[in-house]
């Protein structure tokens, strides 16, 4: 409550009560058809969701993609096959020259 100079506390109270009774209004709002949007948040993460999140993060920060990983596996496989086929051919050539 404001402190008015020269006005007694009882008069201040009467002024506030009079202002409250005469200067305030009541507003009632009614809604004919209330509509409520219910949002249900599912905390389960499925495997495709997890795979997409992990792949997206890796792709964003390293530039790595699934195609790049498959390509690296392919080239490692080819290199290993070339190395082992050369080793097997070398062993066969050495064994043909010797009689065991």
Protein backbone atom coordinates (compact mmCIF):
# COMPACT_ATOMS: atom_id res chain seq x y z
CA UNK A 1 0.00 0.00 0.00
CA UNK A 2 1.35 3.42 -0.92
CA UNK A 3 2.25 5.87 1.79
CA UNK A 4 0.51 9.17 1.06
CA UNK A 5 1.79 12.14 3.00
CA UNK A 6 -0.81 13.71 5.27
CA UNK A 7 -3.33 10.86 4.87
CA UNK A 8 -4.03 8.60 7.80
CA UNK A 9 -3.66 4.85 7.53
CA UNK A 10 -7.38 4.26 8.06
CA UNK A 11 -8.25 6.71 5.27
CA UNK A 12 -5.73 4.99 2.98
CA UNK A 13 -7.39 1.65 3.72
CA UNK A 14 -10.85 3.08 2.98
CA UNK A 15 -9.56 4.58 -0.32
CA UNK A 16 -8.10 1.21 -1.36
CA UNK A 17 -11.31 -0.65 -0.49
CA UNK A 18 -13.40 1.90 -2.39
CA UNK A 19 -11.09 1.67 -5.43
CA UNK A 20 -11.24 -2.12 -5.30
CA UNK A 21 -15.04 -2.15 -5.16
CA UNK A 22 -15.63 0.46 -7.89
CA UNK A 23 -12.73 0.26 -10.33
CA UNK A 24 -12.20 -3.47 -10.78
CA UNK A 25 -14.08 -5.64 -13.28
CA UNK A 26 -14.58 -9.33 -13.62
CA UNK A 27 -14.01 -11.01 -16.97
CA UNK A 28 -15.24 -14.54 -17.58
CA UNK A 29 -13.98 -16.40 -20.64
CA UNK A 30 -15.71 -19.59 -21.70
CA UNK A 31 -14.48 -21.86 -24.44
CA UNK A 32 -17.19 -23.56 -26.47
CA UNK A 33 -15.15 -26.55 -27.67
CA UNK A 34 -11.86 -26.94 -25.87
CA UNK A 35 -9.16 -28.57 -27.97
CA UNK A 36 -6.12 -30.09 -26.37
CA UNK A 37 -3.08 -31.35 -28.25
CA UNK A 38 -1.53 -34.23 -26.38
CA UNK A 39 2.08 -34.99 -27.16
CA UNK A 40 3.47 -38.33 -26.06
CA UNK A 41 7.23 -38.58 -26.01
CA UNK A 42 8.62 -42.06 -26.54
CA UNK A 43 12.01 -42.55 -24.93
CA UNK A 44 12.76 -45.85 -26.66
CA UNK A 45 15.42 -45.72 -29.35
CA UNK A 46 15.15 -48.31 -32.08
CA UNK A 47 18.16 -49.81 -33.83
CA UNK A 48 17.62 -47.85 -37.09
CA UNK A 49 17.32 -44.63 -35.08
CA UNK A 50 20.54 -45.39 -33.21
CA UNK A 51 22.34 -46.37 -36.41
CA UNK A 52 21.21 -43.19 -38.13
CA UNK A 53 22.26 -41.02 -35.22
CA UNK A 54 25.69 -42.61 -34.92
CA UNK A 55 26.24 -42.59 -38.68
CA UNK A 56 25.12 -39.00 -38.99
CA UNK A 57 27.43 -37.89 -36.20
CA UNK A 58 30.41 -39.76 -37.63
CA UNK A 59 29.65 -38.44 -41.11
CA UNK A 60 29.32 -34.90 -39.84
CA UNK A 61 32.53 -34.81 -37.84
CA UNK A 62 34.84 -37.07 -39.88
CA UNK A 63 33.41 -37.12 -43.38
CA UNK A 64 33.08 -40.90 -43.12
CA UNK A 65 30.15 -42.69 -44.74
CA UNK A 66 28.97 -46.28 -45.02
CA UNK A 67 30.08 -46.41 -48.66
CA UNK A 68 33.59 -45.30 -47.63
CA UNK A 69 33.77 -48.04 -44.98
CA UNK A 70 32.67 -50.68 -47.49
CA UNK A 71 35.22 -49.39 -49.98
CA UNK A 72 38.04 -49.59 -47.40
CA UNK A 73 37.03 -53.17 -46.55
CA UNK A 74 36.99 -54.04 -50.26
CA UNK A 75 40.50 -52.66 -50.87
CA UNK A 76 41.92 -54.35 -47.76
CA UNK A 77 40.37 -57.64 -48.93
CA UNK A 78 41.91 -57.23 -52.42
CA UNK A 79 45.31 -56.41 -50.97
CA UNK A 80 45.23 -59.45 -48.68
CA UNK A 81 44.10 -61.73 -51.50
CA UNK A 82 46.87 -60.45 -53.77
CA UNK A 83 49.46 -60.93 -51.03
CA UNK A 84 48.36 -64.46 -50.14
CA UNK A 85 47.97 -65.58 -53.76
CA UNK A 86 51.51 -64.41 -54.45
CA UNK A 87 52.76 -66.32 -51.38
CA UNK A 88 50.91 -69.49 -52.42
CA UNK A 89 52.27 -69.26 -55.99
CA UNK A 90 55.80 -68.80 -54.63
CA UNK A 91 55.46 -71.89 -52.43
CA UNK A 92 54.10 -73.95 -55.36
CA UNK A 93 56.99 -72.88 -57.61
CA UNK A 94 59.61 -73.73 -54.98
CA UNK A 95 57.96 -77.09 -54.24
CA UNK A 96 57.85 -78.09 -57.95
CA UNK A 97 61.61 -77.70 -58.29
CA UNK A 98 62.36 -80.00 -55.38
CA UNK A 99 61.48 -83.66 -55.20
CA UNK A 100 60.02 -84.54 -51.87
